[in-house]
């Protein structure tokens, strides 16, 4: 029963999730002090990540949340990125269940980032 409850939670919008616009994320990235403490995590596929990502983002495709928990301290701020914002919501739900407290995501994902003309690296 708890398996299905956990599965359903992955499809709900996490109430503690903080939405960041492309402009807000870019401003935070430019703040070097903040940038050194935050974990910027791209949950898209490896192919999508290699097709262009935000400088400094680490690739952890959706479903790798337990690997994230092994490599990132749970009290560290985490910002999740995907293509449209939906996968990052699912990843956030999983991270909250794993004990992360400070999780944000790029609202609209890389589509919104690119539409605003923000820089990407390959």
PDB file of N, CA and C in Angstrom:
ATOM      1  N   UNK A   1       0.814  -1.194   0.000  1.00  0.00           N
ATOM      2  CA  UNK A   1       0.000   0.000   0.000  1.00  0.00           C
ATOM      3  C   UNK A   1       0.861   1.263   0.000  1.00  0.00           C
ATOM      4  N   UNK A   2       1.921   1.293   0.804  1.00  0.00           N
ATOM      5  CA  UNK A   2       2.761   2.493   0.852  1.00  0.00           C
ATOM      6  C   UNK A   2       3.468   2.735  -0.478  1.00  0.00           C
ATOM      7  N   UNK A   3       3.764   1.667  -1.243  1.00  0.00           N
ATOM      8  CA  UNK A   3       4.389   1.826  -2.555  1.00  0.00           C
ATOM      9  C   UNK A   3       3.508   2.690  -3.444  1.00  0.00           C
ATOM     10  N   UNK A   4       2.202   2.381  -3.482  1.00  0.00           N
ATOM     11  CA  UNK A   4       1.289   3.137  -4.335  1.00  0.00           C
ATOM     12  C   UNK A   4       1.096   4.561  -3.827  1.00  0.00           C
ATOM     13  N   UNK A   5       1.090   4.736  -2.514  1.00  0.00           N
ATOM     14  CA  UNK A   5       0.985   6.080  -1.941  1.00  0.00           C
ATOM     15  C   UNK A   5       2.196   6.911  -2.344  1.00  0.00           C
ATOM     16  N   UNK A   6       3.401   6.317  -2.265  1.00  0.00           N
ATOM     17  CA  UNK A   6       4.619   7.019  -2.679  1.00  0.00           C
ATOM     18  C   UNK A   6       4.594   7.330  -4.166  1.00  0.00           C
ATOM     19  N   UNK A   7       4.097   6.394  -4.962  1.00  0.00           N
ATOM     20  CA  UNK A   7       4.014   6.596  -6.402  1.00  0.00           C
ATOM     21  C   UNK A   7       3.078   7.764  -6.728  1.00  0.00           C
ATOM     22  N   UNK A   8       1.932   7.821  -6.065  1.00  0.00           N
ATOM     23  CA  UNK A   8       0.997   8.926  -6.288  1.00  0.00           C
ATOM     24  C   UNK A   8       1.599  10.264  -5.885  1.00  0.00           C
ATOM     25  N   UNK A   9       2.380  10.283  -4.825  1.00  0.00           N
ATOM     26  CA  UNK A   9       3.012  11.530  -4.381  1.00  0.00           C
ATOM     27  C   UNK A   9       3.947  12.101  -5.432  1.00  0.00           C
ATOM     28  N   UNK A  10       4.531  11.242  -6.266  1.00  0.00           N
ATOM     29  CA  UNK A  10       5.439  11.722  -7.306  1.00  0.00           C
ATOM     30  C   UNK A  10       4.712  12.530  -8.377  1.00  0.00           C
ATOM     31  N   UNK A  11       3.390  12.339  -8.498  1.00  0.00           N
ATOM     32  CA  UNK A  11       2.632  13.038  -9.529  1.00  0.00           C
ATOM     33  C   UNK A  11       1.900  14.270  -8.996  1.00  0.00           C
ATOM     34  N   UNK A  12       2.011  14.539  -7.716  1.00  0.00           N
ATOM     35  CA  UNK A  12       1.430  15.740  -7.124  1.00  0.00           C
ATOM     36  C   UNK A  12       2.463  16.857  -7.153  1.00  0.00           C
ATOM     37  N   UNK A  13       1.973  18.091  -7.265  1.00  0.00           N
ATOM     38  CA  UNK A  13       2.884  19.234  -7.212  1.00  0.00           C
ATOM     39  C   UNK A  13       3.324  19.411  -5.766  1.00  0.00           C
ATOM     40  N   UNK A  14       4.619  19.282  -5.490  1.00  0.00           N
ATOM     41  CA  UNK A  14       5.093  19.400  -4.105  1.00  0.00           C
ATOM     42  C   UNK A  14       4.808  20.794  -3.543  1.00  0.00           C
ATOM     43  N   UNK A  15       4.131  20.850  -2.403  1.00  0.00           N
ATOM     44  CA  UNK A  15       3.716  22.143  -1.852  1.00  0.00           C
ATOM     45  C   UNK A  15       4.885  23.003  -1.399  1.00  0.00           C
ATOM     46  N   UNK A  16       6.026  22.402  -1.060  1.00  0.00           N
ATOM     47  CA  UNK A  16       7.191  23.174  -0.609  1.00  0.00           C
ATOM     48  C   UNK A  16       8.111  23.588  -1.756  1.00  0.00           C
ATOM     49  N   UNK A  17       7.799  23.165  -2.970  1.00  0.00           N
ATOM     50  CA  UNK A  17       8.651  23.456  -4.121  1.00  0.00           C
ATOM     51  C   UNK A  17       8.583  24.941  -4.468  1.00  0.00           C
ATOM     52  N   UNK A  18       9.751  25.545  -4.652  1.00  0.00           N
ATOM     53  CA  UNK A  18       9.854  26.964  -5.003  1.00  0.00           C
ATOM     54  C   UNK A  18      10.038  27.087  -6.512  1.00  0.00           C
ATOM     55  N   UNK A  19       9.171  27.863  -7.160  1.00  0.00           N
ATOM     56  CA  UNK A  19       9.280  28.124  -8.597  1.00  0.00           C
ATOM     57  C   UNK A  19      10.242  29.279  -8.825  1.00  0.00           C
ATOM     58  N   UNK A  20      11.174  29.095  -9.755  1.00  0.00           N
ATOM     59  CA  UNK A  20      12.083  30.169 -10.155  1.00  0.00           C
ATOM     60  C   UNK A  20      11.872  30.461 -11.633  1.00  0.00           C
ATOM     61  N   UNK A  21      11.745  31.730 -11.982  1.00  0.00           N
ATOM     62  CA  UNK A  21      11.683  32.113 -13.387  1.00  0.00           C
ATOM     63  C   UNK A  21      13.107  32.067 -13.951  1.00  0.00           C
ATOM     64  N   UNK A  22      13.252  32.066 -15.273  1.00  0.00           N
ATOM     65  CA  UNK A  22      14.603  32.128 -15.840  1.00  0.00           C
ATOM     66  C   UNK A  22      15.408  33.328 -15.328  1.00  0.00           C
ATOM     67  N   UNK A  23      14.771  34.490 -15.212  1.00  0.00           N
ATOM     68  CA  UNK A  23      15.479  35.673 -14.709  1.00  0.00           C
ATOM     69  C   UNK A  23      15.935  35.484 -13.263  1.00  0.00           C
ATOM     70  N   UNK A  24      15.071  34.911 -12.425  1.00  0.00           N
ATOM     71  CA  UNK A  24      15.436  34.676 -11.021  1.00  0.00           C
ATOM     72  C   UNK A  24      16.589  33.687 -10.910  1.00  0.00           C
ATOM     73  N   UNK A  25      16.538  32.617 -11.712  1.00  0.00           N
ATOM     74  CA  UNK A  25      17.618  31.631 -11.670  1.00  0.00           C
ATOM     75  C   UNK A  25      18.926  32.244 -12.150  1.00  0.00           C
ATOM     76  N   UNK A  26      18.874  33.004 -13.233  1.00  0.00           N
ATOM     77  CA  UNK A  26      20.094  33.632 -13.738  1.00  0.00           C
ATOM     78  C   UNK A  26      20.700  34.566 -12.690  1.00  0.00           C
ATOM     79  N   UNK A  27      19.858  35.318 -11.992  1.00  0.00           N
ATOM     80  CA  UNK A  27      20.341  36.221 -10.947  1.00  0.00           C
ATOM     81  C   UNK A  27      21.027  35.428  -9.830  1.00  0.00           C
ATOM     82  N   UNK A  28      20.446  34.312  -9.444  1.00  0.00           N
ATOM     83  CA  UNK A  28      21.052  33.488  -8.387  1.00  0.00           C
ATOM     84  C   UNK A  28      22.371  32.883  -8.847  1.00  0.00           C
ATOM     85  N   UNK A  29      22.430  32.474 -10.098  1.00  0.00           N
ATOM     86  CA  UNK A  29      23.666  31.891 -10.634  1.00  0.00           C
ATOM     87  C   UNK A  29      24.777  32.938 -10.666  1.00  0.00           C
ATOM     88  N   UNK A  30      24.433  34.168 -10.980  1.00  0.00           N
ATOM     89  CA  UNK A  30      25.439  35.242 -11.037  1.00  0.00           C
ATOM     90  C   UNK A  30      25.999  35.589  -9.663  1.00  0.00           C
ATOM     91  N   UNK A  31      25.252  35.299  -8.608  1.00  0.00           N
ATOM     92  CA  UNK A  31      25.707  35.538  -7.243  1.00  0.00           C
ATOM     93  C   UNK A  31      26.681  34.415  -6.881  1.00  0.00           C
ATOM     94  N   UNK A  32      27.981  34.691  -6.964  1.00  0.00           N
ATOM     95  CA  UNK A  32      29.001  33.656  -6.779  1.00  0.00           C
ATOM     96  C   UNK A  32      28.910  32.974  -5.426  1.00  0.00           C
ATOM     97  N   UNK A  33      28.572  33.730  -4.385  1.00  0.00           N
ATOM     98  CA  UNK A  33      28.462  33.138  -3.053  1.00  0.00           C
ATOM     99  C   UNK A  33      27.332  32.106  -3.033  1.00  0.00           C
ATOM    100  N   UNK A  34      26.199  32.456  -3.622  1.00  0.00           N
ATOM    101  CA  UNK A  34      25.061  31.537  -3.674  1.00  0.00           C
ATOM    102  C   UNK A  34      25.385  30.347  -4.569  1.00  0.00           C
ATOM    103  N   UNK A  35      26.038  30.634  -5.697  1.00  0.00           N
ATOM    104  CA  UNK A  35      26.336  29.575  -6.661  1.00  0.00           C
ATOM    105  C   UNK A  35      27.197  28.476  -6.056  1.00  0.00           C
ATOM    106  N   UNK A  36      28.110  28.836  -5.165  1.00  0.00           N
ATOM    107  CA  UNK A  36      28.990  27.826  -4.584  1.00  0.00           C
ATOM    108  C   UNK A  36      28.263  26.939  -3.579  1.00  0.00           C
ATOM    109  N   UNK A  37      27.139  27.399  -3.041  1.00  0.00           N
ATOM    110  CA  UNK A  37      26.443  26.583  -2.051  1.00  0.00           C
ATOM    111  C   UNK A  37      25.273  25.790  -2.625  1.00  0.00           C
ATOM    112  N   UNK A  38      24.785  26.164  -3.801  1.00  0.00           N
ATOM    113  CA  UNK A  38      23.618  25.503  -4.378  1.00  0.00           C
ATOM    114  C   UNK A  38      24.035  24.328  -5.268  1.00  0.00           C
ATOM    115  N   UNK A  39      23.183  23.301  -5.313  1.00  0.00           N
ATOM    116  CA  UNK A  39      23.378  22.180  -6.242  1.00  0.00           C
ATOM    117  C   UNK A  39      22.401  22.380  -7.395  1.00  0.00           C
ATOM    118  N   UNK A  40      22.930  22.661  -8.577  1.00  0.00           N
ATOM    119  CA  UNK A  40      22.133  22.862  -9.782  1.00  0.00           C
ATOM    120  C   UNK A  40      22.072  21.517 -10.501  1.00  0.00           C
ATOM    121  N   UNK A  41      20.887  20.917 -10.565  1.00  0.00           N
ATOM    122  CA  UNK A  41      20.748  19.546 -11.061  1.00  0.00           C
ATOM    123  C   UNK A  41      19.777  19.498 -12.234  1.00  0.00           C
ATOM    124  N   UNK A  42      20.264  18.969 -13.357  1.00  0.00           N
ATOM    125  CA  UNK A  42      19.479  18.805 -14.571  1.00  0.00           C
ATOM    126  C   UNK A  42      18.966  17.365 -14.602  1.00  0.00           C
ATOM    127  N   UNK A  43      17.633  17.190 -14.605  1.00  0.00           N
ATOM    128  CA  UNK A  43      17.050  15.846 -14.550  1.00  0.00           C
ATOM    129  C   UNK A  43      16.598  15.343 -15.922  1.00  0.00           C
ATOM    130  N   UNK A  44      17.002  16.024 -16.984  1.00  0.00           N
ATOM    131  CA  UNK A  44      16.671  15.553 -18.333  1.00  0.00           C
ATOM    132  C   UNK A  44      17.542  14.347 -18.688  1.00  0.00           C
ATOM    133  N   UNK A  45      17.261  13.726 -19.804  1.00  0.00           N
ATOM    134  CA  UNK A  45      18.075  12.603 -20.262  1.00  0.00           C
ATOM    135  C   UNK A  45      19.485  13.093 -20.592  1.00  0.00           C
ATOM    136  N   UNK A  46      20.411  12.172 -20.665  1.00  0.00           N
ATOM    137  CA  UNK A  46      21.794  12.515 -21.003  1.00  0.00           C
ATOM    138  C   UNK A  46      21.866  13.177 -22.378  1.00  0.00           C
ATOM    139  N   UNK A  47      21.089  12.681 -23.326  1.00  0.00           N
ATOM    140  CA  UNK A  47      21.069  13.259 -24.677  1.00  0.00           C
ATOM    141  C   UNK A  47      20.577  14.706 -24.627  1.00  0.00           C
ATOM    142  N   UNK A  48      19.513  14.964 -23.872  1.00  0.00           N
ATOM    143  CA  UNK A  48      19.004  16.332 -23.745  1.00  0.00           C
ATOM    144  C   UNK A  48      20.040  17.236 -23.086  1.00  0.00           C
ATOM    145  N   UNK A  49      20.677  16.734 -22.041  1.00  0.00           N
ATOM    146  CA  UNK A  49      21.698  17.501 -21.322  1.00  0.00           C
ATOM    147  C   UNK A  49      22.841  17.879 -22.265  1.00  0.00           C
ATOM    148  N   UNK A  50      23.316  16.909 -23.054  1.00  0.00           N
ATOM    149  CA  UNK A  50      24.417  17.172 -23.990  1.00  0.00           C
ATOM    150  C   UNK A  50      24.004  18.120 -25.107  1.00  0.00           C
ATOM    151  N   UNK A  51      22.708  18.263 -25.341  1.00  0.00           N
ATOM    152  CA  UNK A  51      22.197  19.177 -26.357  1.00  0.00           C
ATOM    153  C   UNK A  51      22.154  20.626 -25.899  1.00  0.00           C
ATOM    154  N   UNK A  52      22.610  20.887 -24.702  1.00  0.00           N
ATOM    155  CA  UNK A  52      22.664  22.241 -24.151  1.00  0.00           C
ATOM    156  C   UNK A  52      22.097  22.284 -22.751  1.00  0.00           C
ATOM    157  N   UNK A  53      22.898  22.809 -21.828  1.00  0.00           N
ATOM    158  CA  UNK A  53      22.475  22.895 -20.427  1.00  0.00           C
ATOM    159  C   UNK A  53      22.997  24.189 -19.810  1.00  0.00           C
ATOM    160  N   UNK A  54      22.550  24.467 -18.613  1.00  0.00           N
ATOM    161  CA  UNK A  54      22.983  25.658 -17.890  1.00  0.00           C
ATOM    162  C   UNK A  54      24.352  25.385 -17.288  1.00  0.00           C
ATOM    163  N   UNK A  55      25.261  26.343 -17.451  1.00  0.00           N
ATOM    164  CA  UNK A  55      26.620  26.193 -16.932  1.00  0.00           C
ATOM    165  C   UNK A  55      26.584  25.845 -15.441  1.00  0.00           C
ATOM    166  N   UNK A  56      27.311  24.813 -15.075  1.00  0.00           N
ATOM    167  CA  UNK A  56      27.393  24.400 -13.677  1.00  0.00           C
ATOM    168  C   UNK A  56      26.381  23.352 -13.273  1.00  0.00           C
ATOM    169  N   UNK A  57      25.426  23.042 -14.164  1.00  0.00           N
ATOM    170  CA  UNK A  57      24.416  22.033 -13.832  1.00  0.00           C
ATOM    171  C   UNK A  57      25.009  20.633 -13.931  1.00  0.00           C
ATOM    172  N   UNK A  58      24.670  19.801 -12.947  1.00  0.00           N
ATOM    173  CA  UNK A  58      25.084  18.399 -12.947  1.00  0.00           C
ATOM    174  C   UNK A  58      23.956  17.569 -13.548  1.00  0.00           C
ATOM    175  N   UNK A  59      24.310  16.550 -14.324  1.00  0.00           N
ATOM    176  CA  UNK A  59      23.312  15.694 -14.955  1.00  0.00           C
ATOM    177  C   UNK A  59      22.972  14.504 -14.061  1.00  0.00           C
ATOM    178  N   UNK A  60      21.706  14.441 -13.652  1.00  0.00           N
ATOM    179  CA  UNK A  60      21.146  13.309 -12.916  1.00  0.00           C
ATOM    180  C   UNK A  60      19.765  13.054 -13.508  1.00  0.00           C
ATOM    181  N   UNK A  61      19.662  12.213 -14.556  1.00  0.00           N
ATOM    182  CA  UNK A  61      18.358  11.985 -15.183  1.00  0.00           C
ATOM    183  C   UNK A  61      17.293  11.566 -14.166  1.00  0.00           C
ATOM    184  N   UNK A  62      16.042  11.928 -14.457  1.00  0.00           N
ATOM    185  CA  UNK A  62      14.921  11.584 -13.584  1.00  0.00           C
ATOM    186  C   UNK A  62      14.992  10.105 -13.234  1.00  0.00           C
ATOM    187  N   UNK A  63      14.823   9.796 -11.964  1.00  0.00           N
ATOM    188  CA  UNK A  63      14.951   8.430 -11.475  1.00  0.00           C
ATOM    189  C   UNK A  63      16.249   8.222 -10.725  1.00  0.00           C
ATOM    190  N   UNK A  64      17.137   9.221 -10.759  1.00  0.00           N
ATOM    191  CA  UNK A  64      18.447   9.143 -10.088  1.00  0.00           C
ATOM    192  C   UNK A  64      18.444   9.843  -8.735  1.00  0.00           C
ATOM    193  N   UNK A  65      17.265  10.046  -8.161  1.00  0.00           N
ATOM    194  CA  UNK A  65      17.173  10.837  -6.931  1.00  0.00           C
ATOM    195  C   UNK A  65      17.992  10.236  -5.789  1.00  0.00           C
ATOM    196  N   UNK A  66      18.049   8.906  -5.708  1.00  0.00           N
ATOM    197  CA  UNK A  66      18.842   8.286  -4.637  1.00  0.00           C
ATOM    198  C   UNK A  66      20.333   8.559  -4.839  1.00  0.00           C
ATOM    199  N   UNK A  67      20.783   8.651  -6.090  1.00  0.00           N
ATOM    200  CA  UNK A  67      22.178   9.022  -6.363  1.00  0.00           C
ATOM    201  C   UNK A  67      22.426  10.468  -5.944  1.00  0.00           C
ATOM    202  N   UNK A  68      21.450  11.330  -6.188  1.00  0.00           N
ATOM    203  CA  UNK A  68      21.577  12.725  -5.753  1.00  0.00           C
ATOM    204  C   UNK A  68      21.749  12.763  -4.241  1.00  0.00           C
ATOM    205  N   UNK A  69      20.933  11.977  -3.536  1.00  0.00           N
ATOM    206  CA  UNK A  69      20.985  11.956  -2.070  1.00  0.00           C
ATOM    207  C   UNK A  69      22.343  11.481  -1.560  1.00  0.00           C
ATOM    208  N   UNK A  70      23.031  10.649  -2.333  1.00  0.00           N
ATOM    209  CA  UNK A  70      24.357  10.175  -1.935  1.00  0.00           C
ATOM    210  C   UNK A  70      25.436  11.226  -2.176  1.00  0.00           C
ATOM    211  N   UNK A  71      25.223  12.125  -3.141  1.00  0.00           N
ATOM    212  CA  UNK A  71      26.264  13.078  -3.528  1.00  0.00           C
ATOM    213  C   UNK A  71      26.023  14.510  -3.049  1.00  0.00           C
ATOM    214  N   UNK A  72      24.795  14.824  -2.660  1.00  0.00           N
ATOM    215  CA  UNK A  72      24.452  16.188  -2.261  1.00  0.00           C
ATOM    216  C   UNK A  72      23.928  16.166  -0.822  1.00  0.00           C
ATOM    217  N   UNK A  73      24.471  17.054  -0.001  1.00  0.00           N
ATOM    218  CA  UNK A  73      24.015  17.141   1.385  1.00  0.00           C
ATOM    219  C   UNK A  73      22.551  17.584   1.402  1.00  0.00           C
ATOM    220  N   UNK A  74      21.766  16.976   2.286  1.00  0.00           N
ATOM    221  CA  UNK A  74      20.326  17.246   2.321  1.00  0.00           C
ATOM    222  C   UNK A  74      19.978  18.653   2.790  1.00  0.00           C
ATOM    223  N   UNK A  75      20.910  19.332   3.456  1.00  0.00           N
ATOM    224  CA  UNK A  75      20.626  20.704   3.887  1.00  0.00           C
ATOM    225  C   UNK A  75      21.093  21.739   2.860  1.00  0.00           C
ATOM    226  N   UNK A  76      21.674  21.273   1.765  1.00  0.00           N
ATOM    227  CA  UNK A  76      22.149  22.166   0.704  1.00  0.00           C
ATOM    228  C   UNK A  76      20.978  22.552  -0.202  1.00  0.00           C
ATOM    229  N   UNK A  77      20.870  23.819  -0.613  1.00  0.00           N
ATOM    230  CA  UNK A  77      19.814  24.201  -1.554  1.00  0.00           C
ATOM    231  C   UNK A  77      19.991  23.473  -2.888  1.00  0.00           C
ATOM    232  N   UNK A  78      18.892  22.990  -3.436  1.00  0.00           N
ATOM    233  CA  UNK A  78      18.898  22.267  -4.707  1.00  0.00           C
ATOM    234  C   UNK A  78      17.977  22.998  -5.678  1.00  0.00           C
ATOM    235  N   UNK A  79      18.465  23.200  -6.905  1.00  0.00           N
ATOM    236  CA  UNK A  79      17.631  23.746  -7.977  1.00  0.00           C
ATOM    237  C   UNK A  79      17.584  22.700  -9.082  1.00  0.00           C
ATOM    238  N   UNK A  80      16.371  22.287  -9.445  1.00  0.00           N
ATOM    239  CA  UNK A  80      16.165  21.258 -10.461  1.00  0.00           C
ATOM    240  C   UNK A  80      15.772  21.888 -11.791  1.00  0.00           C
ATOM    241  N   UNK A  81      16.254  21.261 -12.862  1.00  0.00           N
ATOM    242  CA  UNK A  81      15.996  21.750 -14.217  1.00  0.00           C
ATOM    243  C   UNK A  81      15.578  20.568 -15.078  1.00  0.00           C
ATOM    244  N   UNK A  82      14.570  20.781 -15.925  1.00  0.00           N
ATOM    245  CA  UNK A  82      14.215  19.783 -16.936  1.00  0.00           C
ATOM    246  C   UNK A  82      13.825  20.540 -18.211  1.00  0.00           C
ATOM    247  N   UNK A  83      13.114  19.907 -19.115  1.00  0.00           N
ATOM    248  CA  UNK A  83      12.761  20.564 -20.371  1.00  0.00           C
ATOM    249  C   UNK A  83      11.623  21.570 -20.192  1.00  0.00           C
ATOM    250  N   UNK A  84      10.554  21.157 -19.483  1.00  0.00           N
ATOM    251  CA  UNK A  84       9.367  22.009 -19.370  1.00  0.00           C
ATOM    252  C   UNK A  84       8.958  22.333 -17.933  1.00  0.00           C
ATOM    253  N   UNK A  85       9.559  21.678 -16.967  1.00  0.00           N
ATOM    254  CA  UNK A  85       9.206  21.892 -15.566  1.00  0.00           C
ATOM    255  C   UNK A  85       8.457  20.741 -14.936  1.00  0.00           C
ATOM    256  N   UNK A  86       8.003  19.777 -15.739  1.00  0.00           N
ATOM    257  CA  UNK A  86       7.228  18.661 -15.190  1.00  0.00           C
ATOM    258  C   UNK A  86       8.102  17.596 -14.532  1.00  0.00           C
ATOM    259  N   UNK A  87       9.167  17.199 -15.193  1.00  0.00           N
ATOM    260  CA  UNK A  87      10.055  16.189 -14.594  1.00  0.00           C
ATOM    261  C   UNK A  87      10.721  16.723 -13.335  1.00  0.00           C
ATOM    262  N   UNK A  88      11.037  18.014 -13.331  1.00  0.00           N
ATOM    263  CA  UNK A  88      11.661  18.581 -12.131  1.00  0.00           C
ATOM    264  C   UNK A  88      10.693  18.550 -10.951  1.00  0.00           C
ATOM    265  N   UNK A  89       9.401  18.676 -11.203  1.00  0.00           N
ATOM    266  CA  UNK A  89       8.410  18.555 -10.127  1.00  0.00           C
ATOM    267  C   UNK A  89       8.412  17.141  -9.554  1.00  0.00           C
ATOM    268  N   UNK A  90       8.474  16.135 -10.430  1.00  0.00           N
ATOM    269  CA  UNK A  90       8.518  14.742  -9.968  1.00  0.00           C
ATOM    270  C   UNK A  90       9.789  14.476  -9.177  1.00  0.00           C
ATOM    271  N   UNK A  91      10.911  14.985  -9.671  1.00  0.00           N
ATOM    272  CA  UNK A  91      12.183  14.803  -8.962  1.00  0.00           C
ATOM    273  C   UNK A  91      12.137  15.496  -7.607  1.00  0.00           C
ATOM    274  N   UNK A  92      11.516  16.667  -7.548  1.00  0.00           N
ATOM    275  CA  UNK A  92      11.402  17.397  -6.284  1.00  0.00           C
ATOM    276  C   UNK A  92      10.600  16.596  -5.267  1.00  0.00           C
ATOM    277  N   UNK A  93       9.493  16.003  -5.706  1.00  0.00           N
ATOM    278  CA  UNK A  93       8.677  15.192  -4.794  1.00  0.00           C
ATOM    279  C   UNK A  93       9.514  14.064  -4.204  1.00  0.00           C
ATOM    280  N   UNK A  94      10.317  13.414  -5.050  1.00  0.00           N
ATOM    281  CA  UNK A  94      11.174  12.322  -4.571  1.00  0.00           C
ATOM    282  C   UNK A  94      12.229  12.842  -3.601  1.00  0.00           C
ATOM    283  N   UNK A  95      12.830  13.992  -3.903  1.00  0.00           N
ATOM    284  CA  UNK A  95      13.853  14.550  -3.009  1.00  0.00           C
ATOM    285  C   UNK A  95      13.262  14.956  -1.662  1.00  0.00           C
ATOM    286  N   UNK A  96      12.065  15.512  -1.675  1.00  0.00           N
ATOM    287  CA  UNK A  96      11.413  15.847  -0.397  1.00  0.00           C
ATOM    288  C   UNK A  96      11.199  14.577   0.431  1.00  0.00           C
ATOM    289  N   UNK A  97      10.798  13.488  -0.228  1.00  0.00           N
ATOM    290  CA  UNK A  97      10.599  12.221   0.486  1.00  0.00           C
ATOM    291  C   UNK A  97      11.915  11.683   1.039  1.00  0.00           C
ATOM    292  N   UNK A  98      13.023  12.023   0.398  1.00  0.00           N
ATOM    293  CA  UNK A  98      14.345  11.574   0.859  1.00  0.00           C
ATOM    294  C   UNK A  98      14.924  12.492   1.937  1.00  0.00           C
ATOM    295  N   UNK A  99      14.199  13.548   2.291  1.00  0.00           N
ATOM    296  CA  UNK A  99      14.636  14.407   3.389  1.00  0.00           C
ATOM    297  C   UNK A  99      15.214  15.751   3.005  1.00  0.00           C
ATOM    298  N   UNK A 100      15.227  16.094   1.713  1.00  0.00           N
ATOM    299  CA  UNK A 100      15.695  17.417   1.301  1.00  0.00           C
ATOM    300  C   UNK A 100      14.649  18.457   1.702  1.00  0.00           C
ATOM    301  N   UNK A 101      15.108  19.629   2.109  1.00  0.00           N
ATOM    302  CA  UNK A 101      14.206  20.666   2.601  1.00  0.00           C
ATOM    303  C   UNK A 101      14.105  21.871   1.670  1.00  0.00           C
ATOM    304  N   UNK A 102      15.216  22.248   1.021  1.00  0.00           N
ATOM    305  CA  UNK A 102      15.289  23.480   0.240  1.00  0.00           C
ATOM    306  C   UNK A 102      15.422  23.130  -1.240  1.00  0.00           C
ATOM    307  N   UNK A 103      14.276  22.913  -1.899  1.00  0.00           N
ATOM    308  CA  UNK A 103      14.274  22.493  -3.303  1.00  0.00           C
ATOM    309  C   UNK A 103      13.486  23.499  -4.134  1.00  0.00           C
ATOM    310  N   UNK A 104      14.111  23.957  -5.216  1.00  0.00           N
ATOM    311  CA  UNK A 104      13.486  24.868  -6.175  1.00  0.00           C
ATOM    312  C   UNK A 104      13.558  24.218  -7.549  1.00  0.00           C
ATOM    313  N   UNK A 105      12.816  24.779  -8.496  1.00  0.00           N
ATOM    314  CA  UNK A 105      12.958  24.311  -9.876  1.00  0.00           C
ATOM    315  C   UNK A 105      12.746  25.469 -10.839  1.00  0.00           C
ATOM    316  N   UNK A 106      13.295  25.286 -12.036  1.00  0.00           N
ATOM    317  CA  UNK A 106      13.150  26.281 -13.090  1.00  0.00           C
ATOM    318  C   UNK A 106      11.769  26.121 -13.705  1.00  0.00           C
ATOM    319  N   UNK A 107      10.882  27.055 -13.409  1.00  0.00           N
ATOM    320  CA  UNK A 107       9.516  26.993 -13.931  1.00  0.00           C
ATOM    321  C   UNK A 107       9.556  27.157 -15.450  1.00  0.00           C
ATOM    322  N   UNK A 108       8.970  26.201 -16.146  1.00  0.00           N
ATOM    323  CA  UNK A 108       8.996  26.224 -17.606  1.00  0.00           C
ATOM    324  C   UNK A 108      10.217  25.538 -18.183  1.00  0.00           C
ATOM    325  N   UNK A 109      11.152  25.150 -17.323  1.00  0.00           N
ATOM    326  CA  UNK A 109      12.324  24.377 -17.723  1.00  0.00           C
ATOM    327  C   UNK A 109      13.227  25.066 -18.737  1.00  0.00           C
ATOM    328  N   UNK A 110      13.996  24.236 -19.434  1.00  0.00           N
ATOM    329  CA  UNK A 110      14.937  24.753 -20.432  1.00  0.00           C
ATOM    330  C   UNK A 110      14.218  25.427 -21.597  1.00  0.00           C
ATOM    331  N   UNK A 111      12.974  25.021 -21.855  1.00  0.00           N
ATOM    332  CA  UNK A 111      12.211  25.706 -22.902  1.00  0.00           C
ATOM    333  C   UNK A 111      12.054  27.188 -22.551  1.00  0.00           C
ATOM    334  N   UNK A 112      11.685  27.478 -21.309  1.00  0.00           N
ATOM    335  CA  UNK A 112      11.527  28.874 -20.869  1.00  0.00           C
ATOM    336  C   UNK A 112      12.874  29.588 -20.834  1.00  0.00           C
ATOM    337  N   UNK A 113      13.924  28.884 -20.395  1.00  0.00           N
ATOM    338  CA  UNK A 113      15.282  29.443 -20.323  1.00  0.00           C
ATOM    339  C   UNK A 113      15.732  29.895 -21.711  1.00  0.00           C
ATOM    340  N   UNK A 114      15.568  29.013 -22.697  1.00  0.00           N
ATOM    341  CA  UNK A 114      15.994  29.329 -24.064  1.00  0.00           C
ATOM    342  C   UNK A 114      15.127  30.421 -24.684  1.00  0.00           C
ATOM    343  N   UNK A 115      13.833  30.377 -24.406  1.00  0.00           N
ATOM    344  CA  UNK A 115      12.923  31.388 -24.953  1.00  0.00           C
ATOM    345  C   UNK A 115      13.319  32.789 -24.491  1.00  0.00           C
ATOM    346  N   UNK A 116      13.872  32.899 -23.284  1.00  0.00           N
ATOM    347  CA  UNK A 116      14.338  34.185 -22.755  1.00  0.00           C
ATOM    348  C   UNK A 116      15.746  34.530 -23.241  1.00  0.00           C
ATOM    349  N   UNK A 117      16.355  33.656 -24.053  1.00  0.00           N
ATOM    350  CA  UNK A 117      17.680  33.933 -24.597  1.00  0.00           C
ATOM    351  C   UNK A 117      18.811  33.766 -23.597  1.00  0.00           C
ATOM    352  N   UNK A 118      18.586  32.960 -22.581  1.00  0.00           N
ATOM    353  CA  UNK A 118      19.607  32.745 -21.545  1.00  0.00           C
ATOM    354  C   UNK A 118      20.700  31.814 -22.077  1.00  0.00           C
ATOM    355  N   UNK A 119      21.925  31.943 -21.546  1.00  0.00           N
ATOM    356  CA  UNK A 119      23.056  31.171 -22.076  1.00  0.00           C
ATOM    357  C   UNK A 119      23.009  29.683 -21.706  1.00  0.00           C
ATOM    358  N   UNK A 120      23.443  28.874 -22.665  1.00  0.00           N
ATOM    359  CA  UNK A 120      23.609  27.439 -22.429  1.00  0.00           C
ATOM    360  C   UNK A 120      25.007  27.027 -22.871  1.00  0.00           C
ATOM    361  N   UNK A 121      25.462  25.928 -22.319  1.00  0.00           N
ATOM    362  CA  UNK A 121      26.757  25.362 -22.712  1.00  0.00           C
ATOM    363  C   UNK A 121      26.527  23.941 -23.203  1.00  0.00           C
ATOM    364  N   UNK A 122      27.529  23.417 -23.926  1.00  0.00           N
ATOM    365  CA  UNK A 122      27.408  22.078 -24.515  1.00  0.00           C
ATOM    366  C   UNK A 122      28.540  21.195 -24.072  1.00  0.00           C
TER     367      UNK A 122
END
